[in-house]
């Protein structure tokens, strides 16, 4: 996944940690994703501009990963194919704890 297309604001933080240091965004299983047959439920549901439809495909991609709200998984619940996954919350909390200890 190319995450360079999203440039987080330099003053954007979560729990005192720069957002760009927190790898929280969805991963799309392209074998399961069918773009909700062109309806793109996750794209329509997410107000943060995280997703975009793939060209020449009925699938979806993550376009702006740092726009994803840390620990939000609402779009995952919208996916009828269960094609959206997120990192472990425990792993992200541990990362945040370690970053804050620096």
Foldseek 3Di string as FASTA:
>chain_A
DDQVLADDDQPDDDPPHGLVQQQKFKDFQVVQFQLVVQPNQLCVPDPQQQKDADPPGSGIDGRHRSSDDPPDDVSCVVDPRSRIDTDDPVVRVVSVVVRVVD
